Amino acid sequence: MRLILLLLLIPLFSCSTYIQKEIDKTGIEGYIVSNTDAPEIDVYVSLYRTLSGGLMGPSDFMEKTDERGYFFFDVPEGKYYLVARKRLRGGDAGPLREGDRSVIYNKNPIIVKPSKVTTVKVVLPPASSIYQKKMPLGDKEIKVKIKGAINKNLKLLIYEGEDLKRSPSYILDIRENEKIVNLFTGKIYVIVLREGLKEKVADSELFQVYGPFLSDVIDIVEFELK
């Protein structure tokens, strides 16, 4: 009788142990999707602990998405920066080439808490701009908010200093109404929202300027589309 009772209890203990492990799981999970919400397969998802390497080169952790576009990182609590890259050919290493697609998660850093799994959803753009790698990686987080419907191909040009006649320090593609940029404290910036990248601004082109401003005293930069 005792043997039968013991045999009946073993599956219960196993199930309890499994559930406890699931509860205690710590890490990051998520999906990489296209701009039409379709799953992106075979995307290399990289986690970096710091910004010191500019979110380029070998990462601290890497996973590859499955047929659902899903990935999971079993990582300890902490702060992480996520980058997703999909290559036409070759492995995960090396610089991006023509046709490769890449995106830096726009809600970095991801905060992982003990016994918690943080879930994210990352949209991989149709094509990577050659300027995407030029991402400001400073210590002051500033939110750029764009009011109105974005139905044009917009660029965010960030200038260090007040001289708009020289090339911008950073050029970012804008596809969403909010974007987080990490500027450097103690510096003067001018941010320009525009359609093109030609030196001369066309008469019909959207061209809006915010600044100059000191990064230390600004938390939100707003533009309004008319």
C-alpha atoms as a PDB file:
ATOM      1  CA  MET A   1       0.000   0.000   0.000  1.00  0.00           C
ATOM      2  CA  ARG A   2       2.816   2.397   0.936  1.00  0.00           C
ATOM      3  CA  LEU A   3       4.595   1.564  -2.311  1.00  0.00           C
ATOM      4  CA  ILE A   4       1.479   2.353  -4.334  1.00  0.00           C
ATOM      5  CA  LEU A   5       1.037   5.642  -2.465  1.00  0.00           C
ATOM      6  CA  LEU A   6       4.681   6.554  -3.086  1.00  0.00           C
ATOM      7  CA  LEU A   7       4.339   5.820  -6.802  1.00  0.00           C
ATOM      8  CA  LEU A   8       1.268   8.036  -6.951  1.00  0.00           C
ATOM      9  CA  LEU A   9       3.059  10.914  -5.235  1.00  0.00           C
ATOM     10  CA  ILE A  10       6.168  10.894  -7.467  1.00  0.00           C
ATOM     11  CA  PRO A  11       4.420  12.559 -10.460  1.00  0.00           C
ATOM     12  CA  LEU A  12       2.968  15.186  -8.110  1.00  0.00           C
ATOM     13  CA  PHE A  13       6.408  16.046  -6.763  1.00  0.00           C
ATOM     14  CA  SER A  14       7.832  16.169 -10.296  1.00  0.00           C
ATOM     15  CA  CYS A  15       5.028  18.465 -11.455  1.00  0.00           C
ATOM     16  CA  SER A  16       5.486  20.701  -8.417  1.00  0.00           C
ATOM     17  CA  THR A  17       9.230  20.932  -9.046  1.00  0.00           C
ATOM     18  CA  TYR A  18       8.645  21.819 -12.714  1.00  0.00           C
ATOM     19  CA  ILE A  19       6.107  24.524 -11.823  1.00  0.00           C
ATOM     20  CA  GLN A  20       8.479  25.987  -9.236  1.00  0.00           C
ATOM     21  CA  LYS A  21      11.265  26.125 -11.813  1.00  0.00           C
ATOM     22  CA  GLU A  22       8.931  27.929 -14.229  1.00  0.00           C
ATOM     23  CA  ILE A  23       7.989  30.415 -11.505  1.00  0.00           C
ATOM     24  CA  ASP A  24      11.619  31.024 -10.584  1.00  0.00           C
ATOM     25  CA  LYS A  25      12.728  31.528 -14.199  1.00  0.00           C
ATOM     26  CA  THR A  26      14.603  34.785 -14.823  1.00  0.00           C
ATOM     27  CA  GLY A  27      15.377  36.220 -18.236  1.00  0.00           C
ATOM     28  CA  ILE A  28      14.147  37.890 -21.412  1.00  0.00           C
ATOM     29  CA  GLU A  29      11.791  36.453 -24.000  1.00  0.00           C
ATOM     30  CA  GLY A  30      10.137  37.925 -27.014  1.00  0.00           C
ATOM     31  CA  TYR A  31       9.292  37.913 -30.674  1.00  0.00           C
ATOM     32  CA  ILE A  32      10.940  39.499 -33.691  1.00  0.00           C
ATOM     33  CA  VAL A  33       8.324  40.466 -36.282  1.00  0.00           C
ATOM     34  CA  SER A  34       8.140  42.362 -39.555  1.00  0.00           C
ATOM     35  CA  ASN A  35       6.308  45.649 -39.955  1.00  0.00           C
ATOM     36  CA  THR A  36       3.287  43.549 -41.019  1.00  0.00           C
ATOM     37  CA  ASP A  37       3.522  41.550 -37.770  1.00  0.00           C
ATOM     38  CA  ALA A  38       4.768  38.384 -39.502  1.00  0.00           C
ATOM     39  CA  PRO A  39       7.337  36.301 -37.547  1.00  0.00           C
ATOM     40  CA  GLU A  40      10.965  36.816 -38.542  1.00  0.00           C
ATOM     41  CA  ILE A  41      12.882  33.526 -38.646  1.00  0.00           C
ATOM     42  CA  ASP A  42      16.649  33.051 -38.131  1.00  0.00           C
ATOM     43  CA  VAL A  43      17.241  36.504 -36.677  1.00  0.00           C
ATOM     44  CA  TYR A  44      20.324  36.843 -34.476  1.00  0.00           C
ATOM     45  CA  VAL A  45      19.279  38.517 -31.234  1.00  0.00           C
ATOM     46  CA  SER A  46      22.151  39.972 -29.213  1.00  0.00           C
ATOM     47  CA  LEU A  47      22.267  41.217 -25.637  1.00  0.00           C
ATOM     48  CA  TYR A  48      24.910  43.658 -24.427  1.00  0.00           C
ATOM     49  CA  ARG A  49      25.500  44.488 -20.776  1.00  0.00           C
ATOM     50  CA  THR A  50      26.878  47.967 -21.513  1.00  0.00           C
ATOM     51  CA  LEU A  51      27.091  50.587 -24.250  1.00  0.00           C
ATOM     52  CA  SER A  52      30.888  50.651 -24.144  1.00  0.00           C
ATOM     53  CA  GLY A  53      31.273  48.850 -27.480  1.00  0.00           C
ATOM     54  CA  GLY A  54      28.607  50.889 -29.223  1.00  0.00           C
ATOM     55  CA  LEU A  55      26.317  47.829 -29.469  1.00  0.00           C
ATOM     56  CA  MET A  56      28.587  46.463 -32.166  1.00  0.00           C
ATOM     57  CA  GLY A  57      30.928  43.506 -32.242  1.00  0.00           C
ATOM     58  CA  PRO A  58      30.645  40.364 -30.079  1.00  0.00           C
ATOM     59  CA  SER A  59      27.714  40.464 -27.664  1.00  0.00           C
ATOM     60  CA  ASP A  60      27.489  39.102 -24.132  1.00  0.00           C
ATOM     61  CA  PHE A  61      24.610  36.784 -25.054  1.00  0.00           C
ATOM     62  CA  MET A  62      23.124  35.668 -28.363  1.00  0.00           C
ATOM     63  CA  GLU A  63      20.117  33.613 -29.456  1.00  0.00           C
ATOM     64  CA  LYS A  64      18.457  32.880 -32.795  1.00  0.00           C
ATOM     65  CA  THR A  65      14.721  33.148 -33.446  1.00  0.00           C
ATOM     66  CA  ASP A  66      12.706  30.012 -34.267  1.00  0.00           C
ATOM     67  CA  GLU A  67       9.908  29.561 -36.800  1.00  0.00           C
ATOM     68  CA  ARG A  68       7.618  31.692 -34.604  1.00  0.00           C
ATOM     69  CA  GLY A  69      10.128  34.519 -34.410  1.00  0.00           C
ATOM     70  CA  TYR A  70      10.531  33.622 -30.724  1.00  0.00           C
ATOM     71  CA  PHE A  71      13.667  33.841 -28.583  1.00  0.00           C
ATOM     72  CA  PHE A  72      14.501  33.354 -24.911  1.00  0.00           C
ATOM     73  CA  PHE A  73      17.522  34.406 -22.852  1.00  0.00           C
ATOM     74  CA  ASP A  74      18.154  32.676 -19.525  1.00  0.00           C
ATOM     75  CA  VAL A  75      20.060  35.584 -17.980  1.00  0.00           C
ATOM     76  CA  PRO A  76      20.373  36.886 -14.414  1.00  0.00           C
ATOM     77  CA  GLU A  77      18.797  40.078 -13.166  1.00  0.00           C
ATOM     78  CA  GLY A  78      20.321  43.246 -14.539  1.00  0.00           C
ATOM     79  CA  LYS A  79      20.196  45.776 -17.363  1.00  0.00           C
ATOM     80  CA  TYR A  80      20.597  44.732 -20.980  1.00  0.00           C
ATOM     81  CA  TYR A  81      20.646  46.328 -24.435  1.00  0.00           C
ATOM     82  CA  LEU A  82      19.066  44.320 -27.271  1.00  0.00           C
ATOM     83  CA  VAL A  83      19.988  44.388 -30.952  1.00  0.00           C
ATOM     84  CA  ALA A  84      18.423  42.194 -33.672  1.00  0.00           C
ATOM     85  CA  ARG A  85      20.165  41.408 -36.951  1.00  0.00           C
ATOM     86  CA  LYS A  86      19.036  39.334 -39.933  1.00  0.00           C
ATOM     87  CA  ARG A  87      21.609  38.596 -42.607  1.00  0.00           C
ATOM     88  CA  LEU A  88      21.125  37.544 -46.203  1.00  0.00           C
ATOM     89  CA  ARG A  89      24.130  35.264 -45.993  1.00  0.00           C
ATOM     90  CA  GLY A  90      26.887  34.220 -43.631  1.00  0.00           C
ATOM     91  CA  GLY A  91      26.896  33.846 -39.874  1.00  0.00           C
ATOM     92  CA  ASP A  92      26.288  36.250 -37.034  1.00  0.00           C
ATOM     93  CA  ALA A  93      29.725  37.919 -37.094  1.00  0.00           C
ATOM     94  CA  GLY A  94      31.070  40.788 -39.160  1.00  0.00           C
ATOM     95  CA  PRO A  95      29.740  44.150 -40.328  1.00  0.00           C
ATOM     96  CA  LEU A  96      26.323  44.484 -41.922  1.00  0.00           C
ATOM     97  CA  ARG A  97      26.203  44.177 -45.697  1.00  0.00           C
ATOM     98  CA  GLU A  98      23.826  45.424 -48.353  1.00  0.00           C
ATOM     99  CA  GLY A  99      20.444  43.804 -47.837  1.00  0.00           C
ATOM    100  CA  ASP A 100      21.016  42.867 -44.198  1.00  0.00           C
ATOM    101  CA  ARG A 101      18.422  44.082 -41.704  1.00  0.00           C
ATOM    102  CA  SER A 102      19.113  45.363 -38.238  1.00  0.00           C
ATOM    103  CA  VAL A 103      17.397  47.230 -35.434  1.00  0.00           C
ATOM    104  CA  ILE A 104      18.339  48.491 -31.994  1.00  0.00           C
ATOM    105  CA  TYR A 105      15.408  47.910 -29.618  1.00  0.00           C
ATOM    106  CA  ASN A 106      13.801  51.310 -29.081  1.00  0.00           C
ATOM    107  CA  LYS A 107      13.007  50.654 -25.405  1.00  0.00           C
ATOM    108  CA  ASN A 108      16.540  49.790 -24.327  1.00  0.00           C
ATOM    109  CA  PRO A 109      17.725  49.145 -21.710  1.00  0.00           C
ATOM    110  CA  ILE A 110      15.672  46.099 -20.729  1.00  0.00           C
ATOM    111  CA  ILE A 111      15.455  45.649 -16.975  1.00  0.00           C
ATOM    112  CA  VAL A 112      15.389  42.044 -15.734  1.00  0.00           C
ATOM    113  CA  LYS A 113      14.187  41.418 -12.181  1.00  0.00           C
ATOM    114  CA  PRO A 114      14.741  38.285 -10.041  1.00  0.00           C
ATOM    115  CA  SER A 115      12.351  35.400 -10.811  1.00  0.00           C
ATOM    116  CA  LYS A 116      10.765  37.434 -13.600  1.00  0.00           C
ATOM    117  CA  VAL A 117      10.775  37.000 -17.367  1.00  0.00           C
ATOM    118  CA  THR A 118      10.620  40.302 -19.236  1.00  0.00           C
ATOM    119  CA  THR A 119       8.707  40.038 -22.517  1.00  0.00           C
ATOM    120  CA  VAL A 120       9.481  42.258 -25.506  1.00  0.00           C
ATOM    121  CA  LYS A 121       8.344  42.621 -29.101  1.00  0.00           C
ATOM    122  CA  VAL A 122      10.768  43.964 -31.675  1.00  0.00           C
ATOM    123  CA  VAL A 123       9.856  45.109 -35.190  1.00  0.00           C
ATOM    124  CA  LEU A 124      12.563  44.448 -37.758  1.00  0.00           C
ATOM    125  CA  PRO A 125      12.450  47.129 -40.503  1.00  0.00           C
ATOM    126  CA  PRO A 126      12.189  46.090 -44.178  1.00  0.00           C
ATOM    127  CA  ALA A 127      15.693  47.376 -44.931  1.00  0.00           C
ATOM    128  CA  SER A 128      18.508  48.724 -42.793  1.00  0.00           C
ATOM    129  CA  SER A 129      19.612  52.251 -43.481  1.00  0.00           C
ATOM    130  CA  ILE A 130      23.362  52.718 -43.721  1.00  0.00           C
ATOM    131  CA  TYR A 131      22.885  55.309 -41.006  1.00  0.00           C
ATOM    132  CA  GLN A 132      21.280  52.961 -38.487  1.00  0.00           C
ATOM    133  CA  LYS A 133      24.587  52.136 -36.862  1.00  0.00           C
ATOM    134  CA  LYS A 134      25.031  55.851 -36.075  1.00  0.00           C
ATOM    135  CA  MET A 135      23.112  55.709 -32.827  1.00  0.00           C
ATOM    136  CA  PRO A 136      23.937  58.150 -30.010  1.00  0.00           C
ATOM    137  CA  LEU A 137      25.020  56.141 -26.980  1.00  0.00           C
ATOM    138  CA  GLY A 138      25.339  58.751 -24.248  1.00  0.00           C
ATOM    139  CA  ASP A 139      24.277  58.750 -20.607  1.00  0.00           C
ATOM    140  CA  LYS A 140      21.265  61.116 -20.851  1.00  0.00           C
ATOM    141  CA  GLU A 141      17.998  59.591 -22.032  1.00  0.00           C
ATOM    142  CA  ILE A 142      15.781  61.943 -24.031  1.00  0.00           C
ATOM    143  CA  LYS A 143      12.392  61.058 -25.484  1.00  0.00           C
ATOM    144  CA  VAL A 144      11.601  62.416 -28.939  1.00  0.00           C
ATOM    145  CA  LYS A 145       7.822  62.675 -29.456  1.00  0.00           C
ATOM    146  CA  ILE A 146       6.232  63.297 -32.854  1.00  0.00           C
ATOM    147  CA  LYS A 147       2.594  64.369 -32.862  1.00  0.00           C
ATOM    148  CA  GLY A 148       0.555  63.391 -35.888  1.00  0.00           C
ATOM    149  CA  ALA A 149       0.433  60.538 -38.389  1.00  0.00           C
ATOM    150  CA  ILE A 150       3.780  59.495 -39.852  1.00  0.00           C
ATOM    151  CA  ASN A 151       3.072  58.762 -43.500  1.00  0.00           C
ATOM    152  CA  LYS A 152       6.396  59.884 -44.922  1.00  0.00           C
ATOM    153  CA  ASN A 153       9.951  58.602 -44.763  1.00  0.00           C
ATOM    154  CA  LEU A 154      11.314  60.810 -41.987  1.00  0.00           C
ATOM    155  CA  LYS A 155      14.831  61.244 -40.660  1.00  0.00           C
ATOM    156  CA  LEU A 156      15.966  62.542 -37.302  1.00  0.00           C
ATOM    157  CA  LEU A 157      19.221  64.478 -37.624  1.00  0.00           C
ATOM    158  CA  ILE A 158      21.115  65.135 -34.393  1.00  0.00           C
ATOM    159  CA  TYR A 159      23.863  67.760 -34.383  1.00  0.00           C
ATOM    160  CA  GLU A 160      26.419  68.110 -31.611  1.00  0.00           C
ATOM    161  CA  GLY A 161      26.854  71.864 -31.372  1.00  0.00           C
ATOM    162  CA  GLU A 162      24.895  74.627 -33.094  1.00  0.00           C
ATOM    163  CA  ASP A 163      26.324  74.472 -36.622  1.00  0.00           C
ATOM    164  CA  LEU A 164      23.744  73.049 -39.036  1.00  0.00           C
ATOM    165  CA  LYS A 165      25.961  73.626 -42.062  1.00  0.00           C
ATOM    166  CA  ARG A 166      28.151  70.629 -41.279  1.00  0.00           C
ATOM    167  CA  SER A 167      27.138  66.956 -41.433  1.00  0.00           C
ATOM    168  CA  PRO A 168      24.936  65.756 -38.566  1.00  0.00           C
ATOM    169  CA  SER A 169      26.517  63.665 -35.841  1.00  0.00           C
ATOM    170  CA  TYR A 170      23.724  61.074 -35.969  1.00  0.00           C
ATOM    171  CA  ILE A 171      20.992  60.190 -38.486  1.00  0.00           C
ATOM    172  CA  LEU A 172      18.105  57.973 -37.425  1.00  0.00           C
ATOM    173  CA  ASP A 173      15.147  56.592 -39.366  1.00  0.00           C
ATOM    174  CA  ILE A 174      11.784  57.535 -37.837  1.00  0.00           C
ATOM    175  CA  ARG A 175       8.907  55.045 -38.116  1.00  0.00           C
ATOM    176  CA  GLU A 176       7.197  55.548 -34.756  1.00  0.00           C
ATOM    177  CA  ASN A 177       5.782  58.522 -32.872  1.00  0.00           C
ATOM    178  CA  GLU A 178       8.210  58.085 -29.987  1.00  0.00           C
ATOM    179  CA  LYS A 179      11.911  57.353 -29.994  1.00  0.00           C
ATOM    180  CA  ILE A 180      14.418  57.262 -27.150  1.00  0.00           C
ATOM    181  CA  VAL A 181      17.862  58.710 -27.836  1.00  0.00           C
ATOM    182  CA  ASN A 182      20.778  58.646 -25.430  1.00  0.00           C
ATOM    183  CA  LEU A 183      22.741  61.873 -25.702  1.00  0.00           C
ATOM    184  CA  PHE A 184      25.788  62.930 -23.733  1.00  0.00           C
ATOM    185  CA  THR A 185      25.447  65.186 -20.698  1.00  0.00           C
ATOM    186  CA  GLY A 186      27.125  68.571 -20.783  1.00  0.00           C
ATOM    187  CA  LYS A 187      26.758  69.012 -24.553  1.00  0.00           C
ATOM    188  CA  ILE A 188      24.765  71.352 -26.766  1.00  0.00           C
ATOM    189  CA  TYR A 189      22.542  69.724 -29.404  1.00  0.00           C
ATOM    190  CA  VAL A 190      20.221  70.646 -32.242  1.00  0.00           C
ATOM    191  CA  ILE A 191      17.690  68.070 -33.465  1.00  0.00           C
ATOM    192  CA  VAL A 192      16.153  68.327 -36.932  1.00  0.00           C
ATOM    193  CA  LEU A 193      13.176  66.363 -38.255  1.00  0.00           C
ATOM    194  CA  ARG A 194      13.053  66.261 -42.050  1.00  0.00           C
ATOM    195  CA  GLU A 195      12.197  64.124 -45.076  1.00  0.00           C
ATOM    196  CA  GLY A 196      15.371  64.187 -47.142  1.00  0.00           C
ATOM    197  CA  LEU A 197      19.110  64.273 -46.659  1.00  0.00           C
ATOM    198  CA  LYS A 198      20.093  66.647 -49.442  1.00  0.00           C
ATOM    199  CA  GLU A 199      22.040  69.729 -48.439  1.00  0.00           C
ATOM    200  CA  LYS A 200      19.390  72.050 -49.872  1.00  0.00           C
ATOM    201  CA  VAL A 201      15.941  71.784 -48.303  1.00  0.00           C
ATOM    202  CA  ALA A 202      13.155  71.552 -50.892  1.00  0.00           C
ATOM    203  CA  ASP A 203      10.296  74.059 -50.671  1.00  0.00           C
ATOM    204  CA  SER A 204       7.698  71.336 -50.036  1.00  0.00           C
ATOM    205  CA  GLU A 205       9.892  69.304 -47.672  1.00  0.00           C
ATOM    206  CA  LEU A 206       9.100  68.871 -43.985  1.00  0.00           C
ATOM    207  CA  PHE A 207      11.885  70.569 -42.038  1.00  0.00           C
ATOM    208  CA  GLN A 208      11.574  71.279 -38.301  1.00  0.00           C
ATOM    209  CA  VAL A 209      14.312  72.318 -35.885  1.00  0.00           C
ATOM    210  CA  TYR A 210      14.475  71.911 -32.113  1.00  0.00           C
ATOM    211  CA  GLY A 211      17.282  73.672 -30.291  1.00  0.00           C
ATOM    212  CA  PRO A 212      19.957  74.454 -29.625  1.00  0.00           C
ATOM    213  CA  PHE A 213      19.618  73.023 -26.122  1.00  0.00           C
ATOM    214  CA  LEU A 214      21.765  71.690 -23.301  1.00  0.00           C
ATOM    215  CA  SER A 215      21.123  67.962 -22.879  1.00  0.00           C
ATOM    216  CA  ASP A 216      21.268  68.188 -19.064  1.00  0.00           C
ATOM    217  CA  VAL A 217      18.067  70.257 -18.819  1.00  0.00           C
ATOM    218  CA  ILE A 218      15.887  68.555 -21.461  1.00  0.00           C
ATOM    219  CA  ASP A 219      13.954  65.295 -21.061  1.00  0.00           C
ATOM    220  CA  ILE A 220      11.456  65.524 -23.928  1.00  0.00           C
ATOM    221  CA  VAL A 221      11.784  66.926 -27.455  1.00  0.00           C
ATOM    222  CA  GLU A 222       8.516  67.413 -29.331  1.00  0.00           C
ATOM    223  CA  PHE A 223       7.682  67.885 -33.004  1.00  0.00           C
ATOM    224  CA  GLU A 224       4.231  68.316 -34.529  1.00  0.00           C
ATOM    225  CA  LEU A 225       3.361  67.178 -38.033  1.00  0.00           C
ATOM    226  CA  LYS A 226       0.947  69.485 -39.839  1.00  0.00           C
END
